[in-house]
Amino acid sequence: MRGRDPLSKMQHLATLGEALESSLEDLDGFFTFVVGTKDGFGVVRDPIACKPAVMAETDQYVAFGSEYRALVNLPGIETARVWEPEPATVCFWRH
């Protein structure tokens, strides 16, 4: 497979989720990143998860921030599901 970044992998794999899962094997170090397409977006963290990441999800939106403070002014945040993505786990949402 040519290219090791998620976008290059998407040319050879069926979905963004698959490309992000595959990137966990190729990347080394500490990282948290978000990748979006016209169909949705995904979040992935390194196996140690030392880089901050906070997710908020309601029926209306999914939001990502490096800390909770970045999300506090979102509508409905008080009833949103708020969590930190697990280490070495890809989270993906379609719209």
N, C-alpha and C. Protein backbone atom coordinates (compact mmCIF):
# COMPACT_ATOMS: atom_id res chain seq x y z
N MET A 1 0.84 -1.17 0.00
CA MET A 1 0.00 0.00 0.00
C MET A 1 0.89 1.23 0.00
N ARG A 2 0.70 2.10 -1.00
CA ARG A 2 1.50 3.33 -1.07
C ARG A 2 0.94 4.36 -0.12
N GLY A 3 1.81 5.15 0.50
CA GLY A 3 1.39 6.21 1.39
C GLY A 3 0.95 5.67 2.74
N ARG A 4 1.32 6.38 3.77
CA ARG A 4 0.99 5.91 5.10
C ARG A 4 -0.01 6.81 5.80
N ASP A 5 -0.36 7.94 5.21
CA ASP A 5 -1.31 8.82 5.86
C ASP A 5 -2.73 8.34 5.57
N PRO A 6 -3.72 8.71 6.42
CA PRO A 6 -5.09 8.23 6.24
C PRO A 6 -5.69 8.54 4.88
N LEU A 7 -5.41 9.72 4.32
CA LEU A 7 -6.00 10.05 3.03
C LEU A 7 -5.45 9.19 1.92
N SER A 8 -4.15 8.89 1.94
CA SER A 8 -3.58 7.98 0.94
C SER A 8 -4.18 6.60 1.07
N LYS A 9 -4.38 6.16 2.30
CA LYS A 9 -4.95 4.83 2.53
C LYS A 9 -6.39 4.75 2.04
N MET A 10 -7.12 5.87 2.10
CA MET A 10 -8.51 5.85 1.65
C MET A 10 -8.61 5.55 0.16
N GLN A 11 -7.56 5.79 -0.59
CA GLN A 11 -7.58 5.46 -2.01
C GLN A 11 -7.57 3.95 -2.20
N HIS A 12 -7.11 3.20 -1.18
CA HIS A 12 -6.98 1.76 -1.30
C HIS A 12 -7.93 0.99 -0.37
N LEU A 13 -8.52 1.67 0.60
CA LEU A 13 -9.44 1.03 1.54
C LEU A 13 -10.84 1.57 1.31
N ALA A 14 -11.82 0.88 1.81
CA ALA A 14 -13.20 1.24 1.53
C ALA A 14 -13.68 2.46 2.31
N THR A 15 -13.22 2.67 3.54
CA THR A 15 -13.81 3.71 4.36
C THR A 15 -12.75 4.50 5.11
N LEU A 16 -13.15 5.68 5.57
CA LEU A 16 -12.28 6.47 6.43
C LEU A 16 -11.99 5.71 7.72
N GLY A 17 -13.00 5.04 8.27
CA GLY A 17 -12.79 4.25 9.49
C GLY A 17 -11.70 3.22 9.32
N GLU A 18 -11.70 2.51 8.19
CA GLU A 18 -10.64 1.53 7.93
C GLU A 18 -9.27 2.19 7.82
N ALA A 19 -9.22 3.35 7.16
CA ALA A 19 -7.95 4.06 7.02
C ALA A 19 -7.43 4.49 8.38
N LEU A 20 -8.31 4.99 9.25
CA LEU A 20 -7.88 5.39 10.59
C LEU A 20 -7.43 4.20 11.41
N GLU A 21 -8.15 3.09 11.34
CA GLU A 21 -7.74 1.87 12.05
C GLU A 21 -6.35 1.44 11.59
N SER A 22 -6.13 1.47 10.30
CA SER A 22 -4.84 1.08 9.76
C SER A 22 -3.73 2.02 10.19
N SER A 23 -4.04 3.31 10.36
CA SER A 23 -3.02 4.29 10.74
C SER A 23 -2.46 4.00 12.13
N LEU A 24 -3.23 3.36 12.99
CA LEU A 24 -2.73 3.02 14.33
C LEU A 24 -1.50 2.12 14.27
N GLU A 25 -1.43 1.30 13.23
CA GLU A 25 -0.26 0.41 13.07
C GLU A 25 0.94 1.16 12.51
N ASP A 26 0.69 2.23 11.76
CA ASP A 26 1.77 2.93 11.06
C ASP A 26 2.36 4.11 11.81
N LEU A 27 1.57 4.76 12.63
CA LEU A 27 2.04 5.97 13.31
C LEU A 27 2.68 5.63 14.64
N ASP A 28 3.68 6.40 15.00
CA ASP A 28 4.39 6.23 16.26
C ASP A 28 4.41 7.57 16.97
N GLY A 29 4.31 7.53 18.27
CA GLY A 29 4.36 8.78 19.04
C GLY A 29 3.03 9.09 19.67
N PHE A 30 2.91 10.32 20.10
CA PHE A 30 1.71 10.78 20.79
C PHE A 30 0.88 11.62 19.84
N PHE A 31 -0.38 11.28 19.67
CA PHE A 31 -1.23 12.02 18.74
C PHE A 31 -2.70 11.83 19.08
N THR A 32 -3.46 12.81 18.73
CA THR A 32 -4.92 12.77 18.65
C THR A 32 -5.26 13.57 17.43
N PHE A 33 -6.01 12.99 16.51
CA PHE A 33 -6.38 13.78 15.35
C PHE A 33 -7.80 13.47 14.88
N VAL A 34 -8.32 14.44 14.16
CA VAL A 34 -9.66 14.38 13.59
C VAL A 34 -9.51 14.48 12.08
N VAL A 35 -10.20 13.61 11.37
CA VAL A 35 -10.20 13.65 9.91
C VAL A 35 -11.65 13.66 9.46
N GLY A 36 -11.98 14.60 8.57
CA GLY A 36 -13.34 14.70 8.08
C GLY A 36 -13.44 14.51 6.59
N THR A 37 -14.57 14.00 6.14
CA THR A 37 -14.89 13.87 4.73
C THR A 37 -16.31 14.41 4.53
N LYS A 38 -16.78 14.39 3.33
CA LYS A 38 -18.15 14.85 3.08
C LYS A 38 -19.18 13.93 3.73
N ASP A 39 -18.79 12.70 4.08
CA ASP A 39 -19.71 11.72 4.66
C ASP A 39 -19.68 11.64 6.17
N GLY A 40 -18.68 12.24 6.82
CA GLY A 40 -18.58 12.15 8.27
C GLY A 40 -17.19 12.52 8.74
N PHE A 41 -16.89 12.16 9.98
CA PHE A 41 -15.55 12.41 10.48
C PHE A 41 -15.17 11.35 11.51
N GLY A 42 -13.86 11.23 11.72
CA GLY A 42 -13.34 10.25 12.66
C GLY A 42 -12.31 10.88 13.57
N VAL A 43 -12.17 10.29 14.76
CA VAL A 43 -11.20 10.71 15.75
C VAL A 43 -10.39 9.48 16.15
N VAL A 44 -9.09 9.65 16.26
CA VAL A 44 -8.24 8.55 16.70
C VAL A 44 -7.17 9.09 17.64
N ARG A 45 -6.86 8.31 18.66
CA ARG A 45 -5.81 8.66 19.63
C ARG A 45 -4.76 7.57 19.65
N ASP A 46 -3.55 7.96 20.03
CA ASP A 46 -2.47 6.99 20.13
C ASP A 46 -2.75 6.00 21.27
N PRO A 47 -2.02 4.90 21.35
CA PRO A 47 -2.27 3.88 22.38
C PRO A 47 -2.09 4.36 23.82
N ILE A 48 -1.31 5.40 24.04
CA ILE A 48 -1.11 5.91 25.40
C ILE A 48 -2.13 7.01 25.72
N ALA A 49 -2.61 7.69 24.70
CA ALA A 49 -3.62 8.75 24.82
C ALA A 49 -3.18 9.89 25.74
N CYS A 50 -1.96 10.35 25.57
CA CYS A 50 -1.50 11.44 26.42
C CYS A 50 -1.88 12.81 25.87
N LYS A 51 -2.27 12.89 24.59
CA LYS A 51 -2.76 14.15 24.03
C LYS A 51 -4.23 14.30 24.37
N PRO A 52 -4.65 15.47 24.79
CA PRO A 52 -6.03 15.64 25.25
C PRO A 52 -7.05 15.55 24.13
N ALA A 53 -8.22 15.06 24.47
CA ALA A 53 -9.35 14.99 23.55
C ALA A 53 -10.63 14.83 24.35
N VAL A 54 -11.63 15.62 24.03
CA VAL A 54 -12.93 15.53 24.68
C VAL A 54 -13.99 15.56 23.58
N MET A 55 -14.95 14.66 23.68
CA MET A 55 -16.05 14.59 22.72
C MET A 55 -17.35 14.94 23.44
N ALA A 56 -18.26 15.56 22.71
CA ALA A 56 -19.61 15.82 23.20
C ALA A 56 -20.57 15.40 22.10
N GLU A 57 -21.61 14.65 22.47
CA GLU A 57 -22.54 14.14 21.47
C GLU A 57 -23.98 14.32 21.95
N THR A 58 -24.81 14.85 21.06
CA THR A 58 -26.26 14.96 21.29
C THR A 58 -26.95 14.43 20.04
N ASP A 59 -28.26 14.49 20.01
CA ASP A 59 -28.99 14.11 18.79
C ASP A 59 -28.74 15.11 17.67
N GLN A 60 -28.27 16.30 18.01
CA GLN A 60 -28.06 17.37 17.03
C GLN A 60 -26.63 17.50 16.53
N TYR A 61 -25.66 17.09 17.32
CA TYR A 61 -24.27 17.30 16.92
C TYR A 61 -23.32 16.34 17.63
N VAL A 62 -22.11 16.27 17.06
CA VAL A 62 -20.95 15.65 17.69
C VAL A 62 -19.87 16.71 17.64
N ALA A 63 -19.24 16.98 18.77
CA ALA A 63 -18.21 18.03 18.83
C ALA A 63 -16.93 17.46 19.43
N PHE A 64 -15.82 18.03 19.03
CA PHE A 64 -14.50 17.63 19.50
C PHE A 64 -13.77 18.85 20.02
N GLY A 65 -13.06 18.70 21.12
CA GLY A 65 -12.22 19.76 21.65
C GLY A 65 -11.03 19.17 22.37
N SER A 66 -10.03 19.99 22.59
CA SER A 66 -8.86 19.51 23.31
C SER A 66 -9.09 19.56 24.82
N GLU A 67 -10.14 20.26 25.24
CA GLU A 67 -10.50 20.30 26.66
C GLU A 67 -11.98 20.66 26.77
N TYR A 68 -12.57 20.34 27.90
CA TYR A 68 -14.00 20.57 28.09
C TYR A 68 -14.35 22.05 27.94
N ARG A 69 -13.48 22.91 28.37
CA ARG A 69 -13.73 24.35 28.29
C ARG A 69 -14.06 24.81 26.87
N ALA A 70 -13.53 24.12 25.87
CA ALA A 70 -13.81 24.47 24.48
C ALA A 70 -15.24 24.14 24.08
N LEU A 71 -15.92 23.30 24.86
CA LEU A 71 -17.26 22.84 24.51
C LEU A 71 -18.38 23.47 25.34
N VAL A 72 -18.04 24.16 26.42
CA VAL A 72 -19.05 24.59 27.40
C VAL A 72 -20.13 25.51 26.85
N ASN A 73 -19.90 26.23 25.78
CA ASN A 73 -20.90 27.14 25.24
C ASN A 73 -21.76 26.53 24.14
N LEU A 74 -21.59 25.24 23.88
CA LEU A 74 -22.42 24.59 22.87
C LEU A 74 -23.84 24.45 23.37
N PRO A 75 -24.82 24.57 22.48
CA PRO A 75 -26.21 24.40 22.92
C PRO A 75 -26.45 22.97 23.40
N GLY A 76 -27.08 22.83 24.53
CA GLY A 76 -27.41 21.50 25.06
C GLY A 76 -26.25 20.75 25.68
N ILE A 77 -25.14 21.41 25.92
CA ILE A 77 -23.97 20.71 26.45
C ILE A 77 -24.26 20.09 27.82
N GLU A 78 -25.16 20.71 28.58
CA GLU A 78 -25.45 20.19 29.92
C GLU A 78 -26.12 18.81 29.87
N THR A 79 -26.73 18.45 28.75
CA THR A 79 -27.35 17.12 28.63
C THR A 79 -26.62 16.23 27.63
N ALA A 80 -25.54 16.74 27.05
CA ALA A 80 -24.77 15.97 26.07
C ALA A 80 -24.02 14.82 26.75
N ARG A 81 -23.77 13.79 25.99
CA ARG A 81 -22.85 12.73 26.43
C ARG A 81 -21.45 13.29 26.19
N VAL A 82 -20.68 13.44 27.25
CA VAL A 82 -19.33 14.01 27.16
C VAL A 82 -18.35 12.94 27.63
N TRP A 83 -17.32 12.70 26.84
CA TRP A 83 -16.36 11.66 27.18
C TRP A 83 -15.03 11.90 26.48
N GLU A 84 -14.01 11.18 26.94
CA GLU A 84 -12.71 11.17 26.28
C GLU A 84 -12.62 9.89 25.45
N PRO A 85 -12.25 10.00 24.18
CA PRO A 85 -12.08 8.80 23.36
C PRO A 85 -11.04 7.87 23.98
N GLU A 86 -11.29 6.59 23.90
CA GLU A 86 -10.38 5.59 24.44
C GLU A 86 -9.07 5.56 23.65
N PRO A 87 -7.97 5.16 24.30
CA PRO A 87 -6.70 5.02 23.58
C PRO A 87 -6.80 3.98 22.46
N ALA A 88 -6.12 4.23 21.37
CA ALA A 88 -6.00 3.30 20.24
C ALA A 88 -7.36 2.82 19.75
N THR A 89 -8.34 3.71 19.79
CA THR A 89 -9.69 3.38 19.33
C THR A 89 -10.15 4.44 18.35
N VAL A 90 -10.69 4.01 17.24
CA VAL A 90 -11.22 4.93 16.24
C VAL A 90 -12.70 5.16 16.53
N CYS A 91 -13.09 6.41 16.59
CA CYS A 91 -14.49 6.80 16.71
C CYS A 91 -14.87 7.42 15.37
N PHE A 92 -16.00 7.01 14.80
CA PHE A 92 -16.38 7.51 13.48
C PHE A 92 -17.87 7.79 13.44
N TRP A 93 -18.24 8.92 12.85
CA TRP A 93 -19.64 9.31 12.71
C TRP A 93 -19.93 9.59 11.23
N ARG A 94 -21.06 9.11 10.78
CA ARG A 94 -21.53 9.38 9.40
C ARG A 94 -22.70 10.34 9.47
N HIS A 95 -22.83 11.10 8.42
CA HIS A 95 -24.03 11.97 8.32
C HIS A 95 -24.62 11.87 6.94
